[in-house]
Amino acid sequence: MSALVVLIFIGIWMLIIHGISYLIVKYLVPEGRRVRWYFGLLVFFMFGTFADEFLDQYQKREMCKPENLLIFDPEKVRGKTVVLRGNISREVLMTPVIAHVSNILLEDIVTGELLITYKRVFIKGGWLSHLIGFNSSSPLTYDGSCTLIEYKQLFHEFNVKEIYR
């Protein structure tokens, strides 16, 4: 059943990009070059829709490297009690991927020194998919978030206690 829905969706999408390509060629391209321009635009719209999703995987891989997500000094953290200093959330700008980064900052309850920075990345997909109108809550071709299991293991391994205020 879901395959049928996908085929119907692809058929409708093909009709839409056929119409857009036809209108662009009809009104903007001189008579002798219309066929070449029509097929060029058709291929561009067909593959361009999902091309940014595939290219964005490389950016996600860079953003989700473990050394970028969890920053702490093992010697300073061992046996400490920490409290949440803040949760700073921001949108990543000027990149092909639409992403939000949430920085969780944990500080020593006694000294107030920042001990742990933990980043969670939530990716909403490529810009072209959103421009065309595929406003899904996550990317179409890969997982839309990255978090680390090591964050929870950090508390057990280094005997860190977290206090909630």
N, C-alpha and C. Protein backbone atom coordinates (compact mmCIF):
# COMPACT_ATOMS: atom_id res chain seq x y z
N MET A 1 0.82 -1.20 0.00
CA MET A 1 0.00 0.00 0.00
C MET A 1 0.86 1.26 0.00
N SER A 2 1.93 1.26 0.83
CA SER A 2 2.77 2.45 0.87
C SER A 2 3.52 2.65 -0.44
N ALA A 3 3.85 1.56 -1.14
CA ALA A 3 4.51 1.67 -2.45
C ALA A 3 3.58 2.35 -3.45
N LEU A 4 2.30 2.06 -3.37
CA LEU A 4 1.33 2.69 -4.25
C LEU A 4 1.24 4.19 -3.99
N VAL A 5 1.25 4.56 -2.73
CA VAL A 5 1.22 5.98 -2.37
C VAL A 5 2.47 6.69 -2.89
N VAL A 6 3.62 6.05 -2.76
CA VAL A 6 4.87 6.64 -3.26
C VAL A 6 4.81 6.80 -4.77
N LEU A 7 4.31 5.81 -5.48
CA LEU A 7 4.19 5.91 -6.93
C LEU A 7 3.23 7.02 -7.35
N ILE A 8 2.13 7.16 -6.65
CA ILE A 8 1.19 8.25 -6.93
C ILE A 8 1.86 9.60 -6.68
N PHE A 9 2.58 9.71 -5.58
CA PHE A 9 3.29 10.95 -5.26
C PHE A 9 4.32 11.29 -6.34
N ILE A 10 5.09 10.29 -6.76
CA ILE A 10 6.10 10.53 -7.81
C ILE A 10 5.43 10.92 -9.11
N GLY A 11 4.31 10.30 -9.45
CA GLY A 11 3.58 10.66 -10.66
C GLY A 11 3.08 12.09 -10.64
N ILE A 12 2.53 12.49 -9.51
CA ILE A 12 2.05 13.88 -9.37
C ILE A 12 3.22 14.84 -9.45
N TRP A 13 4.34 14.50 -8.78
CA TRP A 13 5.52 15.35 -8.83
C TRP A 13 6.05 15.48 -10.26
N MET A 14 6.05 14.39 -11.02
CA MET A 14 6.50 14.43 -12.42
C MET A 14 5.60 15.34 -13.25
N LEU A 15 4.29 15.29 -13.02
CA LEU A 15 3.38 16.18 -13.74
C LEU A 15 3.66 17.64 -13.40
N ILE A 16 3.93 17.92 -12.13
CA ILE A 16 4.21 19.29 -11.71
C ILE A 16 5.49 19.80 -12.34
N ILE A 17 6.57 19.00 -12.31
CA ILE A 17 7.82 19.50 -12.88
C ILE A 17 7.76 19.54 -14.41
N HIS A 18 6.93 18.68 -15.00
CA HIS A 18 6.71 18.78 -16.45
C HIS A 18 6.06 20.12 -16.77
N GLY A 19 5.04 20.48 -16.01
CA GLY A 19 4.35 21.76 -16.24
C GLY A 19 5.25 22.96 -16.03
N ILE A 20 6.05 22.92 -14.96
CA ILE A 20 6.96 24.04 -14.69
C ILE A 20 8.01 24.15 -15.79
N SER A 21 8.59 23.04 -16.20
CA SER A 21 9.60 23.05 -17.26
C SER A 21 8.99 23.54 -18.57
N TYR A 22 7.80 23.06 -18.89
CA TYR A 22 7.13 23.46 -20.12
C TYR A 22 6.86 24.96 -20.14
N LEU A 23 6.36 25.50 -19.03
CA LEU A 23 6.05 26.94 -18.98
C LEU A 23 7.32 27.79 -19.09
N ILE A 24 8.38 27.38 -18.42
CA ILE A 24 9.63 28.13 -18.50
C ILE A 24 10.15 28.13 -19.92
N VAL A 25 10.16 26.97 -20.56
CA VAL A 25 10.67 26.85 -21.93
C VAL A 25 9.78 27.61 -22.91
N LYS A 26 8.49 27.51 -22.74
CA LYS A 26 7.55 28.16 -23.67
C LYS A 26 7.71 29.67 -23.70
N TYR A 27 7.92 30.29 -22.53
CA TYR A 27 7.94 31.74 -22.48
C TYR A 27 9.34 32.36 -22.45
N LEU A 28 10.38 31.59 -22.15
CA LEU A 28 11.70 32.19 -21.98
C LEU A 28 12.77 31.71 -22.95
N VAL A 29 12.55 30.61 -23.64
CA VAL A 29 13.60 30.03 -24.49
C VAL A 29 13.22 30.21 -25.96
N PRO A 30 14.20 30.63 -26.79
CA PRO A 30 13.93 30.78 -28.23
C PRO A 30 13.53 29.44 -28.87
N GLU A 31 12.88 29.52 -30.00
CA GLU A 31 12.27 28.36 -30.67
C GLU A 31 13.21 27.19 -30.91
N GLY A 32 14.43 27.38 -31.35
CA GLY A 32 15.31 26.29 -31.74
C GLY A 32 15.91 25.49 -30.58
N ARG A 33 15.89 26.00 -29.38
CA ARG A 33 16.56 25.35 -28.23
C ARG A 33 15.59 24.80 -27.20
N ARG A 34 14.33 24.78 -27.49
CA ARG A 34 13.34 24.43 -26.47
C ARG A 34 13.42 22.98 -25.99
N VAL A 35 13.67 22.05 -26.90
CA VAL A 35 13.70 20.64 -26.50
C VAL A 35 14.85 20.38 -25.54
N ARG A 36 16.02 20.91 -25.87
CA ARG A 36 17.20 20.72 -25.02
C ARG A 36 16.98 21.35 -23.65
N TRP A 37 16.45 22.56 -23.63
CA TRP A 37 16.19 23.25 -22.36
C TRP A 37 15.11 22.53 -21.55
N TYR A 38 14.09 22.03 -22.24
CA TYR A 38 13.01 21.33 -21.54
C TYR A 38 13.55 20.11 -20.80
N PHE A 39 14.32 19.27 -21.48
CA PHE A 39 14.85 18.07 -20.83
C PHE A 39 15.88 18.42 -19.76
N GLY A 40 16.66 19.47 -19.99
CA GLY A 40 17.61 19.91 -18.97
C GLY A 40 16.91 20.36 -17.70
N LEU A 41 15.85 21.15 -17.86
CA LEU A 41 15.09 21.61 -16.69
C LEU A 41 14.36 20.45 -16.01
N LEU A 42 13.84 19.54 -16.81
CA LEU A 42 13.15 18.39 -16.25
C LEU A 42 14.09 17.56 -15.38
N VAL A 43 15.28 17.29 -15.88
CA VAL A 43 16.27 16.52 -15.11
C VAL A 43 16.69 17.31 -13.87
N PHE A 44 16.92 18.62 -14.02
CA PHE A 44 17.32 19.45 -12.87
C PHE A 44 16.27 19.40 -11.77
N PHE A 45 15.01 19.60 -12.11
CA PHE A 45 13.96 19.59 -11.10
C PHE A 45 13.76 18.20 -10.50
N MET A 46 13.92 17.17 -11.34
CA MET A 46 13.71 15.81 -10.85
C MET A 46 14.78 15.42 -9.83
N PHE A 47 16.04 15.60 -10.18
CA PHE A 47 17.12 15.16 -9.30
C PHE A 47 17.54 16.24 -8.30
N GLY A 48 17.32 17.48 -8.65
CA GLY A 48 17.69 18.57 -7.74
C GLY A 48 16.87 18.58 -6.47
N THR A 49 15.68 18.02 -6.54
CA THR A 49 14.80 17.98 -5.37
C THR A 49 15.44 17.22 -4.21
N PHE A 50 16.11 16.12 -4.53
CA PHE A 50 16.67 15.28 -3.49
C PHE A 50 18.19 15.35 -3.42
N ALA A 51 18.82 16.07 -4.35
CA ALA A 51 20.29 16.14 -4.37
C ALA A 51 20.83 16.78 -3.10
N ASP A 52 20.17 17.81 -2.61
CA ASP A 52 20.66 18.47 -1.40
C ASP A 52 20.58 17.54 -0.19
N GLU A 53 19.62 16.63 -0.19
CA GLU A 53 19.53 15.67 0.91
C GLU A 53 20.77 14.77 0.94
N PHE A 54 21.23 14.34 -0.22
CA PHE A 54 22.41 13.48 -0.26
C PHE A 54 23.67 14.25 0.09
N LEU A 55 23.78 15.49 -0.39
CA LEU A 55 24.96 16.30 -0.08
C LEU A 55 25.00 16.71 1.39
N ASP A 56 23.83 16.88 1.98
CA ASP A 56 23.76 17.30 3.38
C ASP A 56 24.25 16.23 4.35
N GLN A 57 24.28 14.99 3.90
CA GLN A 57 24.78 13.92 4.76
C GLN A 57 26.24 14.17 5.15
N TYR A 58 27.01 14.77 4.24
CA TYR A 58 28.41 15.06 4.55
C TYR A 58 28.52 16.12 5.64
N GLN A 59 27.65 17.13 5.57
CA GLN A 59 27.66 18.15 6.61
C GLN A 59 27.21 17.57 7.94
N LYS A 60 26.22 16.69 7.91
CA LYS A 60 25.76 16.06 9.15
C LYS A 60 26.90 15.25 9.77
N ARG A 61 27.65 14.55 8.93
CA ARG A 61 28.76 13.75 9.44
C ARG A 61 29.78 14.63 10.15
N GLU A 62 30.05 15.82 9.62
CA GLU A 62 31.00 16.74 10.26
C GLU A 62 30.43 17.29 11.57
N MET A 63 29.15 17.66 11.55
CA MET A 63 28.53 18.23 12.74
C MET A 63 28.40 17.21 13.86
N CYS A 64 28.29 15.95 13.51
CA CYS A 64 28.01 14.91 14.50
C CYS A 64 29.24 14.10 14.89
N LYS A 65 30.42 14.61 14.65
CA LYS A 65 31.62 13.92 15.12
C LYS A 65 31.61 13.90 16.64
N PRO A 66 31.96 12.77 17.26
CA PRO A 66 31.90 12.68 18.73
C PRO A 66 32.72 13.75 19.44
N GLU A 67 33.86 14.14 18.89
CA GLU A 67 34.68 15.15 19.56
C GLU A 67 34.02 16.53 19.51
N ASN A 68 33.04 16.73 18.64
CA ASN A 68 32.33 18.01 18.60
C ASN A 68 31.13 18.03 19.53
N LEU A 69 30.65 16.87 19.95
CA LEU A 69 29.41 16.80 20.71
C LEU A 69 29.60 16.82 22.23
N LEU A 70 30.68 16.25 22.71
CA LEU A 70 30.89 16.17 24.16
C LEU A 70 32.29 16.67 24.49
N ILE A 71 32.34 17.78 25.21
CA ILE A 71 33.62 18.41 25.53
C ILE A 71 33.76 18.47 27.05
N PHE A 72 34.81 17.83 27.58
CA PHE A 72 35.07 17.85 29.01
C PHE A 72 36.50 17.41 29.26
N ASP A 73 37.02 17.77 30.43
CA ASP A 73 38.35 17.35 30.86
C ASP A 73 38.17 16.26 31.92
N PRO A 74 38.61 15.02 31.63
CA PRO A 74 38.36 13.92 32.57
C PRO A 74 38.90 14.18 33.97
N GLU A 75 40.03 14.85 34.09
CA GLU A 75 40.62 15.10 35.41
C GLU A 75 39.80 16.11 36.21
N LYS A 76 39.26 17.12 35.55
CA LYS A 76 38.46 18.12 36.26
C LYS A 76 37.09 17.60 36.65
N VAL A 77 36.58 16.67 35.87
CA VAL A 77 35.20 16.20 36.06
C VAL A 77 35.10 15.11 37.13
N ARG A 78 36.12 14.32 37.31
CA ARG A 78 36.07 13.14 38.17
C ARG A 78 35.60 13.50 39.59
N GLY A 79 34.50 12.85 40.01
CA GLY A 79 33.99 12.99 41.36
C GLY A 79 33.28 14.30 41.66
N LYS A 80 33.00 15.12 40.67
CA LYS A 80 32.36 16.43 40.89
C LYS A 80 30.85 16.32 40.91
N THR A 81 30.25 17.33 41.48
CA THR A 81 28.80 17.50 41.43
C THR A 81 28.52 18.69 40.52
N VAL A 82 27.68 18.47 39.53
CA VAL A 82 27.42 19.51 38.53
C VAL A 82 25.96 19.90 38.53
N VAL A 83 25.73 21.10 38.04
CA VAL A 83 24.38 21.63 37.91
C VAL A 83 24.27 22.29 36.53
N LEU A 84 23.07 22.31 35.99
CA LEU A 84 22.84 22.90 34.67
C LEU A 84 23.03 24.41 34.73
N ARG A 85 23.98 24.91 33.94
CA ARG A 85 24.19 26.36 33.84
C ARG A 85 23.21 26.95 32.83
N GLY A 86 23.02 26.24 31.74
CA GLY A 86 22.10 26.74 30.72
C GLY A 86 21.98 25.78 29.56
N ASN A 87 20.95 26.02 28.79
CA ASN A 87 20.72 25.26 27.58
C ASN A 87 20.56 26.28 26.47
N ILE A 88 21.59 26.48 25.70
CA ILE A 88 21.61 27.49 24.65
C ILE A 88 21.27 26.81 23.33
N SER A 89 20.19 27.24 22.72
CA SER A 89 19.77 26.65 21.45
C SER A 89 19.89 27.72 20.37
N ARG A 90 20.43 27.31 19.22
CA ARG A 90 20.56 28.26 18.11
C ARG A 90 20.40 27.53 16.80
N GLU A 91 20.02 28.29 15.78
CA GLU A 91 19.91 27.73 14.44
C GLU A 91 21.23 27.93 13.72
N VAL A 92 21.67 26.91 13.01
CA VAL A 92 22.91 27.00 12.23
C VAL A 92 22.56 27.72 10.93
N LEU A 93 23.23 28.85 10.70
CA LEU A 93 22.94 29.67 9.53
C LEU A 93 24.01 29.50 8.46
N MET A 94 23.69 29.89 7.25
CA MET A 94 24.61 29.91 6.11
C MET A 94 25.15 28.52 5.77
N THR A 95 24.32 27.51 5.92
CA THR A 95 24.71 26.15 5.56
C THR A 95 23.57 25.53 4.75
N PRO A 96 23.86 24.55 3.91
CA PRO A 96 22.80 23.93 3.12
C PRO A 96 21.80 23.16 3.97
N VAL A 97 22.23 22.68 5.11
CA VAL A 97 21.36 21.89 5.97
C VAL A 97 20.67 22.83 6.96
N ILE A 98 19.39 22.62 7.20
CA ILE A 98 18.67 23.39 8.20
C ILE A 98 18.83 22.64 9.53
N ALA A 99 19.55 23.24 10.46
CA ALA A 99 19.88 22.53 11.70
C ALA A 99 19.76 23.45 12.90
N HIS A 100 19.46 22.85 14.03
CA HIS A 100 19.44 23.53 15.32
C HIS A 100 20.42 22.81 16.24
N VAL A 101 21.23 23.58 16.93
CA VAL A 101 22.20 23.01 17.87
C VAL A 101 21.81 23.47 19.27
N SER A 102 21.71 22.51 20.16
CA SER A 102 21.38 22.79 21.55
C SER A 102 22.62 22.49 22.39
N ASN A 103 23.18 23.50 23.05
CA ASN A 103 24.35 23.34 23.92
C ASN A 103 23.90 23.25 25.37
N ILE A 104 24.19 22.13 25.99
CA ILE A 104 23.88 21.95 27.41
C ILE A 104 25.18 22.20 28.17
N LEU A 105 25.16 23.18 29.04
CA LEU A 105 26.35 23.57 29.81
C LEU A 105 26.17 23.15 31.26
N LEU A 106 27.12 22.36 31.77
CA LEU A 106 27.08 21.91 33.16
C LEU A 106 28.29 22.47 33.90
N GLU A 107 28.04 23.06 35.06
CA GLU A 107 29.11 23.68 35.84
C GLU A 107 29.24 23.01 37.20
N ASP A 108 30.41 23.20 37.79
CA ASP A 108 30.67 22.70 39.13
C ASP A 108 29.80 23.49 40.10
N ILE A 109 29.11 22.80 40.98
CA ILE A 109 28.19 23.48 41.90
C ILE A 109 28.94 24.32 42.94
N VAL A 110 30.18 23.97 43.25
CA VAL A 110 30.95 24.69 44.26
C VAL A 110 31.66 25.90 43.67
N THR A 111 32.41 25.69 42.59
CA THR A 111 33.23 26.76 42.03
C THR A 111 32.55 27.54 40.91
N GLY A 112 31.53 26.98 40.28
CA GLY A 112 30.87 27.65 39.17
C GLY A 112 31.64 27.51 37.85
N GLU A 113 32.69 26.68 37.83
CA GLU A 113 33.50 26.48 36.64
C GLU A 113 32.76 25.58 35.65
N LEU A 114 32.78 25.96 34.38
CA LEU A 114 32.16 25.16 33.34
C LEU A 114 32.96 23.87 33.16
N LEU A 115 32.32 22.72 33.35
CA LEU A 115 33.01 21.44 33.28
C LEU A 115 32.64 20.61 32.06
N ILE A 116 31.38 20.65 31.67
CA ILE A 116 30.91 19.79 30.58
C ILE A 116 30.08 20.62 29.60
N THR A 117 30.39 20.47 28.33
CA THR A 117 29.57 21.03 27.26
C THR A 117 29.11 19.86 26.41
N TYR A 118 27.80 19.75 26.27
CA TYR A 118 27.22 18.66 25.50
C TYR A 118 26.33 19.27 24.43
N LYS A 119 26.57 18.90 23.17
CA LYS A 119 25.80 19.44 22.06
C LYS A 119 24.88 18.36 21.49
N ARG A 120 23.66 18.77 21.25
CA ARG A 120 22.71 17.92 20.52
C ARG A 120 22.36 18.65 19.24
N VAL A 121 22.41 17.93 18.13
CA VAL A 121 22.14 18.52 16.82
C VAL A 121 20.86 17.91 16.27
N PHE A 122 19.93 18.78 15.86
CA PHE A 122 18.68 18.37 15.25
C PHE A 122 18.64 18.93 13.84
N ILE A 123 18.57 18.06 12.85
CA ILE A 123 18.64 18.47 11.46
C ILE A 123 17.27 18.30 10.81
N LYS A 124 16.86 19.33 10.07
CA LYS A 124 15.53 19.32 9.47
C LYS A 124 15.54 19.04 7.97
N GLY A 125 16.69 18.77 7.40
CA GLY A 125 16.73 18.44 5.98
C GLY A 125 17.35 19.55 5.16
N GLY A 126 17.42 19.32 3.89
CA GLY A 126 18.09 20.24 2.98
C GLY A 126 17.24 21.45 2.62
N TRP A 127 17.90 22.51 2.21
CA TRP A 127 17.22 23.76 1.91
C TRP A 127 16.34 23.63 0.68
N LEU A 128 16.76 22.85 -0.30
CA LEU A 128 15.99 22.75 -1.53
C LEU A 128 14.67 22.02 -1.29
N SER A 129 14.71 20.99 -0.49
CA SER A 129 13.48 20.27 -0.16
C SER A 129 12.49 21.19 0.55
N HIS A 130 12.98 22.02 1.44
CA HIS A 130 12.10 22.94 2.15
C HIS A 130 11.62 24.07 1.25
N LEU A 131 12.48 24.51 0.33
CA LEU A 131 12.10 25.57 -0.60
C LEU A 131 10.96 25.11 -1.50
N ILE A 132 11.05 23.87 -1.96
CA ILE A 132 10.02 23.32 -2.84
C ILE A 132 8.75 23.04 -2.06
N GLY A 133 8.87 22.74 -0.78
CA GLY A 133 7.67 22.53 0.02
C GLY A 133 7.59 21.19 0.71
N PHE A 134 8.65 20.41 0.70
CA PHE A 134 8.65 19.16 1.46
C PHE A 134 9.02 19.49 2.90
N ASN A 135 8.09 20.04 3.63
CA ASN A 135 8.36 20.52 4.99
C ASN A 135 8.19 19.40 6.00
N SER A 136 8.98 18.36 5.84
CA SER A 136 8.91 17.28 6.81
C SER A 136 9.68 17.68 8.06
N SER A 137 9.42 16.99 9.13
CA SER A 137 10.08 17.33 10.40
C SER A 137 11.51 16.80 10.46
N SER A 138 11.88 15.90 9.55
CA SER A 138 13.25 15.38 9.53
C SER A 138 13.66 15.17 8.08
N PRO A 139 14.94 14.99 7.83
CA PRO A 139 15.38 14.76 6.46
C PRO A 139 14.75 13.50 5.87
N LEU A 140 14.73 13.45 4.56
CA LEU A 140 14.10 12.33 3.88
C LEU A 140 15.03 11.13 3.73
N THR A 141 16.34 11.37 3.71
CA THR A 141 17.27 10.29 3.36
C THR A 141 18.19 9.87 4.50
N TYR A 142 18.14 10.50 5.67
CA TYR A 142 19.00 10.10 6.78
C TYR A 142 18.38 10.54 8.09
N ASP A 143 18.92 10.05 9.19
CA ASP A 143 18.41 10.37 10.52
C ASP A 143 18.62 11.84 10.81
N GLY A 144 17.66 12.46 11.44
CA GLY A 144 17.68 13.90 11.62
C GLY A 144 18.23 14.42 12.93
N SER A 145 18.94 13.61 13.69
CA SER A 145 19.51 14.12 14.93
C SER A 145 20.76 13.32 15.27
N CYS A 146 21.58 13.92 16.13
CA CYS A 146 22.72 13.16 16.63
C CYS A 146 22.95 13.52 18.10
N THR A 147 23.02 12.50 18.89
CA THR A 147 23.31 12.62 20.32
C THR A 147 24.29 11.50 20.66
N LEU A 148 24.90 11.60 21.81
CA LEU A 148 25.89 10.60 22.21
C LEU A 148 25.43 9.81 23.42
N ILE A 149 25.61 8.52 23.37
CA ILE A 149 25.35 7.68 24.55
C ILE A 149 26.41 7.91 25.61
N GLU A 150 27.60 8.37 25.17
CA GLU A 150 28.70 8.61 26.11
C GLU A 150 28.36 9.69 27.14
N TYR A 151 27.40 10.56 26.80
CA TYR A 151 26.98 11.60 27.74
C TYR A 151 26.45 10.97 29.02
N LYS A 152 25.61 9.96 28.90
CA LYS A 152 25.06 9.30 30.09
C LYS A 152 26.11 8.43 30.77
N GLN A 153 27.00 7.84 29.98
CA GLN A 153 28.06 7.02 30.55
C GLN A 153 29.08 7.86 31.32
N LEU A 154 29.21 9.12 30.92
CA LEU A 154 30.15 10.03 31.57
C LEU A 154 29.90 10.11 33.07
N PHE A 155 28.64 10.15 33.48
CA PHE A 155 28.28 10.29 34.88
C PHE A 155 28.67 9.04 35.69
N HIS A 156 28.51 7.89 35.08
CA HIS A 156 28.87 6.65 35.77
C HIS A 156 30.38 6.43 35.78
N GLU A 157 31.01 6.65 34.65
CA GLU A 157 32.44 6.35 34.52
C GLU A 157 33.31 7.26 35.38
N PHE A 158 32.95 8.53 35.49
CA PHE A 158 33.76 9.49 36.23
C PHE A 158 33.13 9.88 37.57
N ASN A 159 32.10 9.17 37.99
CA ASN A 159 31.45 9.39 39.28
C ASN A 159 30.97 10.84 39.42
N VAL A 160 30.32 11.33 38.38
CA VAL A 160 29.80 12.71 38.38
C VAL A 160 28.35 12.64 38.81
N LYS A 161 27.98 13.57 39.70
CA LYS A 161 26.60 13.65 40.15
C LYS A 161 25.99 14.93 39.59
N GLU A 162 24.76 14.81 39.13
CA GLU A 162 24.06 15.96 38.59
C GLU A 162 22.92 16.34 39.52
N ILE A 163 22.86 17.62 39.86
CA ILE A 163 21.80 18.13 40.73
C ILE A 163 20.90 19.00 39.86
N TYR A 164 19.60 18.85 40.04
CA TYR A 164 18.62 19.63 39.30
C TYR A 164 18.08 20.73 40.20
N ARG A 165 18.06 21.94 39.68
CA ARG A 165 17.49 23.05 40.44
C ARG A 165 16.16 23.43 39.89
